N, C-alpha and C. Protein backbone atom coordinates (compact mmCIF):
# COMPACT_ATOMS: atom_id res chain seq x y z
N UNK A 1 5.66 -16.67 5.84
CA UNK A 1 5.24 -17.56 4.16
C UNK A 1 6.42 -17.29 3.32
N UNK A 2 6.98 -18.07 2.50
CA UNK A 2 7.77 -17.93 1.60
C UNK A 2 7.70 -16.73 0.74
N UNK A 3 8.69 -15.98 0.26
CA UNK A 3 8.32 -15.06 -0.69
C UNK A 3 8.08 -15.93 -2.04
N UNK A 4 8.54 -16.89 -2.49
CA UNK A 4 8.30 -17.66 -3.84
C UNK A 4 8.29 -19.09 -3.30
N UNK A 5 7.08 -19.65 -3.85
CA UNK A 5 6.90 -21.08 -3.61
C UNK A 5 7.11 -21.99 -4.64
N UNK A 6 8.07 -23.16 -4.63
CA UNK A 6 8.25 -23.99 -5.35
C UNK A 6 7.98 -25.43 -5.23
N UNK A 7 7.65 -26.32 -6.23
CA UNK A 7 7.53 -27.76 -6.04
C UNK A 7 8.82 -28.23 -5.66
N UNK A 8 8.87 -29.37 -4.72
CA UNK A 8 10.13 -29.91 -4.58
C UNK A 8 11.01 -30.28 -5.72
N UNK A 9 10.52 -30.63 -6.98
CA UNK A 9 11.37 -31.05 -7.91
C UNK A 9 11.93 -29.86 -8.54
N UNK A 10 11.33 -28.80 -8.77
CA UNK A 10 11.61 -27.37 -9.08
C UNK A 10 12.69 -26.93 -8.32
N UNK A 11 12.68 -26.94 -6.88
CA UNK A 11 13.64 -26.67 -6.00
C UNK A 11 14.88 -27.60 -6.26
N UNK A 12 14.80 -28.78 -6.47
CA UNK A 12 15.90 -29.92 -6.59
C UNK A 12 16.55 -29.48 -7.87
N UNK A 13 15.93 -29.05 -9.07
CA UNK A 13 16.72 -28.35 -10.06
C UNK A 13 17.53 -27.32 -9.75
N UNK A 14 16.94 -26.22 -8.94
CA UNK A 14 17.86 -25.18 -8.46
C UNK A 14 19.30 -25.37 -7.70
N UNK A 15 18.88 -26.44 -6.89
CA UNK A 15 19.99 -26.87 -5.88
C UNK A 15 21.03 -27.62 -7.07
N UNK A 16 20.72 -28.35 -7.66
CA UNK A 16 21.68 -29.01 -8.78
C UNK A 16 22.37 -28.27 -9.71
N UNK A 17 21.48 -27.04 -10.06
CA UNK A 17 22.19 -25.93 -10.80
C UNK A 17 23.22 -25.23 -9.98
N UNK A 18 22.79 -24.88 -9.04
CA UNK A 18 23.70 -24.24 -8.03
C UNK A 18 25.27 -25.09 -7.80
N UNK A 19 25.03 -26.37 -7.71
CA UNK A 19 26.40 -27.01 -7.31
C UNK A 19 27.27 -27.05 -8.61
N UNK A 20 26.28 -27.01 -9.74
CA UNK A 20 27.35 -27.28 -10.91
C UNK A 20 27.74 -26.11 -11.81
N UNK A 21 27.12 -24.85 -11.38
CA UNK A 21 27.50 -23.83 -12.16
C UNK A 21 29.16 -23.28 -11.66
N UNK A 22 29.63 -23.13 -12.79
CA UNK A 22 31.16 -22.53 -12.61
C UNK A 22 31.20 -21.12 -12.09
N UNK A 23 30.53 -20.34 -12.84
CA UNK A 23 30.36 -18.84 -12.64
C UNK A 23 29.56 -18.51 -11.36
N UNK A 24 30.50 -17.97 -10.33
CA UNK A 24 29.83 -17.78 -9.07
C UNK A 24 29.09 -16.56 -8.74
N UNK A 25 29.10 -15.99 -9.93
CA UNK A 25 27.85 -14.83 -9.74
C UNK A 25 26.49 -15.39 -10.17
N UNK A 26 26.61 -16.50 -11.19
CA UNK A 26 25.23 -16.86 -11.51
C UNK A 26 24.88 -18.04 -10.30
N UNK A 27 26.05 -18.67 -9.86
CA UNK A 27 25.49 -19.63 -8.41
C UNK A 27 24.69 -18.71 -7.56
N UNK A 28 25.37 -17.57 -7.28
CA UNK A 28 24.65 -16.92 -6.31
C UNK A 28 23.50 -16.51 -6.38
N UNK A 29 22.86 -15.98 -7.82
CA UNK A 29 21.62 -15.63 -8.08
C UNK A 29 20.62 -16.68 -7.98
N UNK A 30 21.50 -17.95 -8.25
CA UNK A 30 20.83 -19.25 -7.92
C UNK A 30 20.28 -19.32 -6.34
N UNK A 31 21.31 -18.91 -5.54
CA UNK A 31 21.32 -19.13 -4.24
C UNK A 31 20.24 -18.26 -3.62
N UNK A 32 19.92 -17.28 -4.38
CA UNK A 32 18.94 -16.13 -3.73
C UNK A 32 17.69 -16.57 -3.89
N UNK A 33 17.40 -17.17 -4.97
CA UNK A 33 16.22 -17.87 -5.22
C UNK A 33 15.61 -19.11 -4.37
N UNK A 34 16.94 -19.71 -4.22
CA UNK A 34 16.52 -20.69 -2.89
C UNK A 34 16.38 -20.34 -1.81
N UNK A 35 16.97 -19.22 -1.32
CA UNK A 35 16.62 -18.87 0.00
C UNK A 35 15.18 -18.27 0.03
N UNK A 36 14.78 -17.54 -0.89
CA UNK A 36 13.64 -16.93 -1.09
C UNK A 36 12.42 -18.20 -0.88
N UNK A 37 12.82 -19.25 -1.38
CA UNK A 37 11.88 -20.27 -1.41
C UNK A 37 11.93 -20.91 0.16
N UNK A 38 12.95 -20.84 0.99
CA UNK A 38 13.16 -21.19 2.34
C UNK A 38 12.49 -20.11 3.52
N UNK A 39 12.04 -19.06 2.71
CA UNK A 39 11.46 -18.07 3.61
C UNK A 39 11.93 -17.04 3.86
N UNK A 40 13.38 -16.73 3.76
CA UNK A 40 14.03 -15.50 3.70
C UNK A 40 13.35 -14.43 3.12
N UNK A 41 13.17 -13.17 3.45
CA UNK A 41 12.82 -11.98 2.98
C UNK A 41 14.09 -11.42 1.89
N UNK A 42 13.40 -10.68 1.05
CA UNK A 42 14.56 -9.79 0.16
C UNK A 42 15.49 -9.06 1.27
N UNK A 43 14.80 -8.37 2.17
CA UNK A 43 15.82 -7.81 3.01
C UNK A 43 16.81 -8.38 3.74
N UNK A 44 16.41 -9.71 4.19
CA UNK A 44 17.26 -10.60 5.14
C UNK A 44 18.59 -10.73 3.83
N UNK A 45 18.19 -11.35 2.86
CA UNK A 45 19.23 -11.72 1.65
C UNK A 45 19.93 -10.57 1.48
N UNK A 46 19.32 -9.43 1.03
CA UNK A 46 20.41 -8.27 0.91
C UNK A 46 21.30 -7.98 1.96
N UNK A 47 20.84 -7.96 3.14
CA UNK A 47 21.65 -7.72 4.24
C UNK A 47 22.72 -8.81 4.69
N UNK A 48 22.40 -10.11 4.21
CA UNK A 48 23.38 -11.08 4.40
C UNK A 48 24.42 -10.97 3.20
N UNK A 49 24.09 -10.55 2.05
CA UNK A 49 25.24 -10.61 0.89
C UNK A 49 25.73 -9.11 0.57
N UNK A 50 25.18 -8.36 1.54
CA UNK A 50 25.85 -6.96 1.30
C UNK A 50 24.97 -6.46 0.05
N UNK A 51 23.89 -6.83 -0.27
CA UNK A 51 23.42 -5.86 -1.76
C UNK A 51 22.10 -5.25 -1.26
N UNK A 52 21.53 -4.58 -2.30
CA UNK A 52 20.66 -3.68 -2.30
C UNK A 52 19.24 -4.64 -2.40
N UNK A 53 18.31 -4.42 -1.76
CA UNK A 53 16.85 -5.36 -1.76
C UNK A 53 16.38 -5.49 -3.34
N UNK A 54 16.71 -4.11 -3.84
CA UNK A 54 16.04 -4.50 -5.63
C UNK A 54 16.91 -5.13 -6.27
N UNK A 55 18.10 -5.42 -5.86
CA UNK A 55 18.95 -6.63 -6.68
C UNK A 55 18.25 -7.99 -6.54
N UNK A 56 17.84 -8.29 -5.28
CA UNK A 56 17.24 -9.39 -4.78
C UNK A 56 15.70 -9.43 -5.78
N UNK A 57 15.08 -8.49 -5.53
CA UNK A 57 13.79 -8.59 -6.30
C UNK A 57 13.73 -8.51 -7.81
N UNK A 58 14.83 -8.17 -8.49
CA UNK A 58 15.22 -8.16 -9.93
C UNK A 58 15.39 -9.58 -10.10
N UNK A 59 16.37 -10.33 -9.56
CA UNK A 59 16.69 -11.94 -9.78
C UNK A 59 15.53 -12.78 -9.47
N UNK A 60 14.62 -12.25 -8.79
CA UNK A 60 13.47 -12.94 -8.26
C UNK A 60 12.44 -12.92 -9.61
N UNK A 61 12.32 -11.40 -10.07
CA UNK A 61 11.41 -11.27 -11.34
C UNK A 61 11.88 -12.11 -12.72
N UNK A 62 13.12 -12.08 -12.93
CA UNK A 62 13.88 -12.61 -13.82
C UNK A 62 13.87 -14.31 -13.87
N UNK A 63 14.12 -14.83 -12.66
CA UNK A 63 13.78 -16.30 -12.50
C UNK A 63 12.30 -16.49 -12.85
N UNK A 64 11.03 -15.87 -12.39
CA UNK A 64 9.68 -16.01 -12.72
C UNK A 64 9.62 -16.05 -14.18
N UNK A 65 10.28 -15.29 -14.83
CA UNK A 65 10.02 -15.35 -16.18
C UNK A 65 10.80 -16.68 -16.86
N UNK A 66 12.14 -17.08 -16.56
CA UNK A 66 12.65 -18.25 -16.80
C UNK A 66 13.89 -18.58 -16.09
N UNK A 67 14.16 -19.96 -15.81
CA UNK A 67 15.48 -20.10 -15.10
C UNK A 67 16.62 -19.86 -16.26
N UNK A 68 16.56 -20.13 -17.37
CA UNK A 68 17.57 -19.78 -18.45
C UNK A 68 17.77 -18.06 -18.28
N UNK A 69 16.99 -17.36 -18.16
CA UNK A 69 17.50 -16.14 -18.12
C UNK A 69 18.02 -15.67 -16.86
N UNK A 70 17.94 -16.15 -15.87
CA UNK A 70 18.52 -16.13 -14.72
C UNK A 70 19.86 -16.59 -14.80
N UNK A 71 20.35 -17.45 -15.48
CA UNK A 71 21.73 -17.91 -15.52
C UNK A 71 22.27 -17.41 -16.79
N UNK A 72 21.91 -16.39 -17.45
CA UNK A 72 22.78 -15.48 -18.18
C UNK A 72 23.60 -14.79 -17.63
N UNK A 73 24.49 -14.11 -18.05
CA UNK A 73 25.69 -13.28 -17.49
C UNK A 73 25.72 -12.33 -18.72
N UNK A 74 25.16 -11.16 -18.64
CA UNK A 74 24.92 -9.94 -19.64
C UNK A 74 26.05 -9.09 -19.06
N UNK A 75 26.68 -9.27 -18.17
CA UNK A 75 27.84 -8.23 -17.89
C UNK A 75 28.81 -8.04 -18.70
N UNK A 76 29.39 -7.26 -19.50
CA UNK A 76 30.25 -7.24 -20.35
C UNK A 76 31.66 -6.55 -19.70
N UNK A 77 31.35 -5.91 -18.47
CA UNK A 77 32.71 -5.07 -17.93
C UNK A 77 32.59 -3.93 -18.75
N UNK A 78 33.53 -2.82 -17.92
CA UNK A 78 33.69 -1.69 -18.27
C UNK A 78 34.66 -1.75 -19.66
N UNK A 79 34.17 -0.72 -20.36
CA UNK A 79 35.18 -0.61 -21.72
C UNK A 79 36.32 0.10 -21.30
N UNK A 80 37.38 -0.19 -21.99
CA UNK A 80 38.76 0.07 -21.74
C UNK A 80 38.98 1.42 -22.62
């Protein structure tokens, strides 16, 4: 059973966002959500993308609040 269940219209919105997003980090977050809806587990996605499981879990929790939250890039980089 998928970790996350979406209606087909919601999944299509995610796919169209993934295609049009220029920022690859944000596109990757959307990809994680799509894979969760396809039945992949947090562990499988983390292994494929060389990430920690908690990273995938965190992105899923942010997505559950709002797609707009997921599509925000809050990383500012290291101060010089």
